[in-house]
Amino acid sequence: MLNQLTGEIFVADDDPSVRDVLSSIFTIEGYQVTGFGEGASLLSAARSRVPVCILLDVNMPGRSGLDILRELNARDYPAPIFIISGKRDSAMVVDAIRNGALDFIEKPFDVDSVFGRVREAVESSTRHGETRTASDILTMPFRGRDLLTRRECEVLARIAAGASNKEAGRHLGISSRTIEVHRARIMEKVGAKNAADLVRILFSQDRRHRPVGLNLAV
């Protein structure tokens, strides 16, 4: 028996077999799935309506996945975006995350693992409490605050709550490696030398909000 419809997922990959596999598993779980074989149609759809998640292959004909991230302004796009690639290129992964990708999925992938990661990401993006926490971070007066993206605020909120990279990743539905990339970008933007310095900068203007039991391990 199918689950109740839980939202629309965009799957963009020039390989029809990949689109078919991903469409099948998410349709069975109650999602509506729209597939795209190239970037222009995905961009048009993503600008006219917001899905609950986007799965985007990095090697798309015409516009690459990285190009699409930039054109969508993915750092502030309201739905999580996963980049898919058959090659784990560290520079590409970092570039994708800097341009707004939530996380990286490597081909060949395990369908159960992909479904679990997407489900966690969707649940995280709709968790009202997390949005309020990230918003609280944006209202705090600290150096570099205006340079942070929405996702970086969410990561910083977890760091401020004392979460390790692994715990923050589990809470936000992304990998600990992706948390490390965001953490490095946050520290660069606020001018922090290390994790302890980051916390001092964050709470220097409001000691009453200093968290107890901070986990400063990277």
Protein backbone atom coordinates (compact mmCIF):
# COMPACT_ATOMS: atom_id res chain seq x y z
CA MET A 1 0.00 0.00 0.00
CA LEU A 2 1.41 3.41 -0.96
CA ASN A 3 2.10 6.05 1.64
CA GLN A 4 0.21 9.31 1.53
CA LEU A 5 1.71 11.71 -1.02
CA THR A 6 4.52 13.55 0.73
CA GLY A 7 5.61 16.07 -1.87
CA GLU A 8 7.39 16.39 -5.20
CA ILE A 9 11.00 15.39 -5.86
CA PHE A 10 12.96 16.52 -8.92
CA VAL A 11 15.39 13.97 -10.37
CA ALA A 12 17.79 15.40 -12.97
CA ASP A 13 20.11 12.95 -14.74
CA ASP A 14 20.88 12.40 -18.41
CA ASP A 15 20.84 8.63 -17.85
CA PRO A 16 17.24 7.37 -18.20
CA SER A 17 18.00 4.24 -16.15
CA VAL A 18 19.09 6.37 -13.17
CA ARG A 19 15.97 8.50 -13.45
CA ASP A 20 13.81 5.38 -13.65
CA VAL A 21 15.39 3.75 -10.58
CA LEU A 22 15.14 6.87 -8.43
CA SER A 23 11.63 7.64 -9.65
CA SER A 24 10.50 4.12 -8.79
CA ILE A 25 11.78 4.08 -5.20
CA PHE A 26 10.40 7.52 -4.33
CA THR A 27 7.07 6.90 -6.06
CA ILE A 28 6.64 3.70 -4.05
CA GLU A 29 7.24 5.72 -0.88
CA GLY A 30 4.49 8.18 -1.77
CA TYR A 31 6.39 11.02 -3.43
CA GLN A 32 5.51 12.58 -6.74
CA VAL A 33 8.63 12.43 -8.94
CA THR A 34 9.42 14.61 -11.96
CA GLY A 35 12.42 13.62 -14.07
CA PHE A 36 14.63 15.85 -16.22
CA GLY A 37 17.21 14.79 -18.80
CA GLU A 38 18.85 18.23 -19.09
CA GLY A 39 19.28 21.38 -17.08
CA ALA A 40 17.14 23.99 -18.81
CA SER A 41 13.84 22.26 -18.08
CA LEU A 42 14.87 21.65 -14.48
CA LEU A 43 15.69 25.34 -14.00
CA SER A 44 12.34 26.37 -15.45
CA ALA A 45 10.44 23.99 -13.16
CA ALA A 46 12.48 24.88 -10.06
CA ARG A 47 11.76 28.57 -10.58
CA SER A 48 8.02 28.06 -10.98
CA ARG A 49 7.47 25.68 -8.06
CA VAL A 50 9.47 24.37 -5.11
CA PRO A 51 9.86 20.59 -4.68
CA VAL A 52 10.71 19.01 -1.34
CA CYS A 53 14.09 17.89 -2.71
CA ILE A 54 16.23 17.92 -5.87
CA LEU A 55 18.60 15.14 -6.97
CA LEU A 56 20.97 16.65 -9.54
CA ASP A 57 23.64 14.90 -11.60
CA VAL A 58 26.80 16.96 -11.93
CA ASN A 59 27.38 15.99 -15.59
CA MET A 60 24.27 17.30 -17.29
CA PRO A 61 24.18 18.18 -21.01
CA GLY A 62 24.29 21.91 -21.64
CA ARG A 63 24.43 23.29 -18.12
CA SER A 64 26.38 21.25 -15.59
CA GLY A 65 25.03 20.51 -12.14
CA LEU A 66 27.34 23.17 -10.72
CA ASP A 67 26.03 25.71 -13.24
CA ILE A 68 22.48 24.89 -12.18
CA LEU A 69 23.35 25.34 -8.50
CA ARG A 70 24.66 28.82 -9.25
CA GLU A 71 21.72 29.82 -11.47
CA LEU A 72 19.23 28.65 -8.85
CA ASN A 73 21.14 30.50 -6.12
CA ALA A 74 21.06 27.14 -4.36
CA ARG A 75 22.53 28.49 -1.13
CA ASP A 76 19.19 30.19 -0.48
CA TYR A 77 16.92 27.80 -2.36
CA PRO A 78 14.21 26.53 0.02
CA ALA A 79 14.61 22.82 -0.85
CA PRO A 80 17.64 20.58 -0.21
CA ILE A 81 19.68 19.72 -3.33
CA PHE A 82 21.86 16.60 -3.61
CA ILE A 83 24.61 16.44 -6.22
CA ILE A 84 25.07 13.03 -7.89
CA SER A 85 28.30 11.94 -9.58
CA GLY A 86 30.05 8.79 -10.68
CA LYS A 87 33.40 10.26 -9.67
CA ARG A 88 34.28 11.44 -6.18
CA ASP A 89 36.29 14.55 -6.91
CA SER A 90 37.07 16.36 -3.65
CA ALA A 91 37.39 19.75 -5.35
CA MET A 92 34.06 19.26 -7.10
CA VAL A 93 32.36 18.21 -3.85
CA VAL A 94 33.66 21.30 -2.05
CA ASP A 95 32.64 23.53 -4.97
CA ALA A 96 29.15 22.01 -5.00
CA ILE A 97 28.68 22.54 -1.27
CA ARG A 98 29.96 26.11 -1.50
CA ASN A 99 27.38 26.75 -4.20
CA GLY A 100 24.50 25.41 -2.15
CA ALA A 101 24.38 21.63 -2.54
CA LEU A 102 23.26 19.93 0.63
CA ASP A 103 25.34 16.79 0.15
CA PHE A 104 26.95 14.42 -2.35
CA ILE A 105 25.70 11.04 -3.62
CA GLU A 106 28.25 8.84 -5.37
CA LYS A 107 27.37 6.40 -8.16
CA PRO A 108 26.81 3.51 -8.04
CA PHE A 109 24.53 4.13 -5.08
CA ASP A 110 22.49 1.98 -2.75
CA VAL A 111 18.83 2.88 -3.24
CA ASP A 112 17.94 2.32 0.41
CA SER A 113 20.76 4.63 1.51
CA VAL A 114 19.70 7.32 -0.97
CA PHE A 115 16.10 7.13 0.19
CA GLY A 116 17.15 7.39 3.83
CA ARG A 117 19.34 10.41 3.22
CA VAL A 118 16.68 12.20 1.20
CA ARG A 119 14.00 11.46 3.78
CA GLU A 120 16.21 12.85 6.57
CA ALA A 121 16.97 15.96 4.52
CA VAL A 122 13.29 16.58 3.77
CA GLU A 123 12.34 16.11 7.42
CA SER A 124 15.12 18.46 8.48
CA SER A 125 14.12 21.19 6.02
CA THR A 126 10.55 21.13 7.30
CA ARG A 127 11.46 21.02 10.98
CA HIS A 128 10.18 24.35 12.30
CA GLY A 129 12.33 24.27 15.38
CA GLU A 130 15.50 24.13 13.31
CA THR A 131 14.43 27.08 11.20
CA ARG A 132 13.82 29.14 14.32
CA THR A 133 17.22 28.22 15.70
CA ALA A 134 18.96 29.29 12.50
CA SER A 135 16.94 32.52 12.54
CA ASP A 136 18.08 33.14 16.10
CA ILE A 137 21.69 32.87 14.93
CA LEU A 138 21.02 35.56 12.33
CA THR A 139 19.72 37.97 14.97
CA MET A 140 22.82 37.69 17.14
CA PRO A 141 25.38 40.48 16.74
CA PHE A 142 28.69 38.86 15.79
CA ARG A 143 31.40 39.47 13.21
CA GLY A 144 30.65 38.01 9.76
CA ARG A 145 27.00 37.23 10.50
CA ASP A 146 25.76 38.84 7.26
CA LEU A 147 28.10 36.67 5.18
CA LEU A 148 26.55 33.37 6.29
CA THR A 149 24.11 31.43 4.12
CA ARG A 150 20.93 29.86 5.49
CA ARG A 151 22.56 26.41 5.57
CA GLU A 152 25.66 27.76 7.32
CA CYS A 153 23.41 29.29 9.98
CA GLU A 154 21.80 25.90 10.53
CA VAL A 155 25.22 24.27 10.88
CA LEU A 156 26.41 27.02 13.20
CA ALA A 157 23.29 26.55 15.32
CA ARG A 158 24.22 22.89 15.79
CA ILE A 159 27.83 23.78 16.64
CA ALA A 160 26.57 26.32 19.17
CA ALA A 161 24.36 23.63 20.69
CA GLY A 162 27.46 21.51 21.30
CA ALA A 163 26.99 18.97 18.54
CA SER A 164 29.91 17.12 17.00
CA ASN A 165 30.23 16.96 13.22
CA LYS A 166 28.61 13.53 13.23
CA GLU A 167 25.75 14.65 15.47
CA ALA A 168 25.20 17.83 13.45
CA GLY A 169 25.17 15.83 10.23
CA ARG A 170 22.65 13.36 11.60
CA HIS A 171 20.41 16.19 12.81
CA LEU A 172 20.54 18.04 9.48
CA GLY A 173 20.41 14.93 7.30
CA ILE A 174 23.87 15.39 5.75
CA SER A 175 27.26 13.71 6.09
CA SER A 176 29.84 14.67 8.71
CA ARG A 177 32.25 15.42 5.83
CA THR A 178 29.81 18.00 4.49
CA ILE A 179 29.53 19.49 7.97
CA GLU A 180 33.33 19.86 7.98
CA VAL A 181 33.18 21.83 4.71
CA HIS A 182 30.47 24.15 6.07
CA ARG A 183 32.35 24.53 9.34
CA ALA A 184 35.51 25.59 7.53
CA ARG A 185 33.56 28.12 5.47
CA ILE A 186 31.88 29.53 8.58
CA MET A 187 35.22 29.94 10.34
CA GLU A 188 36.67 31.65 7.28
CA LYS A 189 33.77 34.09 7.02
CA VAL A 190 33.72 35.11 10.70
CA GLY A 191 37.51 35.11 11.00
CA ALA A 192 37.74 32.33 13.58
CA LYS A 193 41.11 30.61 14.10
CA ASN A 194 39.63 27.43 15.55
CA ALA A 195 36.37 26.02 16.93
CA ALA A 196 36.85 27.60 20.36
CA ASP A 197 37.49 30.98 18.76
CA LEU A 198 34.33 30.54 16.66
CA VAL A 199 32.23 30.07 19.79
CA ARG A 200 33.85 33.07 21.49
CA ILE A 201 33.02 35.26 18.49
CA LEU A 202 29.46 33.98 18.35
CA PHE A 203 28.67 34.61 21.99
CA SER A 204 30.91 37.58 22.76
CA GLN A 205 27.96 39.97 22.53
CA ASP A 206 25.55 37.91 24.60
CA ARG A 207 27.03 35.84 27.43
CA ARG A 208 23.58 34.83 28.63
CA HIS A 209 23.22 32.57 25.59
CA ARG A 210 26.54 30.78 26.01
CA PRO A 211 25.82 27.03 25.72
CA VAL A 212 26.83 24.48 28.32
CA GLY A 213 29.05 21.54 27.47
CA LEU A 214 30.25 22.68 24.03
CA ASN A 215 31.82 19.97 21.90
CA LEU A 216 34.66 21.73 20.11
CA ALA A 217 36.11 18.68 18.39
CA VAL A 218 36.34 19.06 14.62
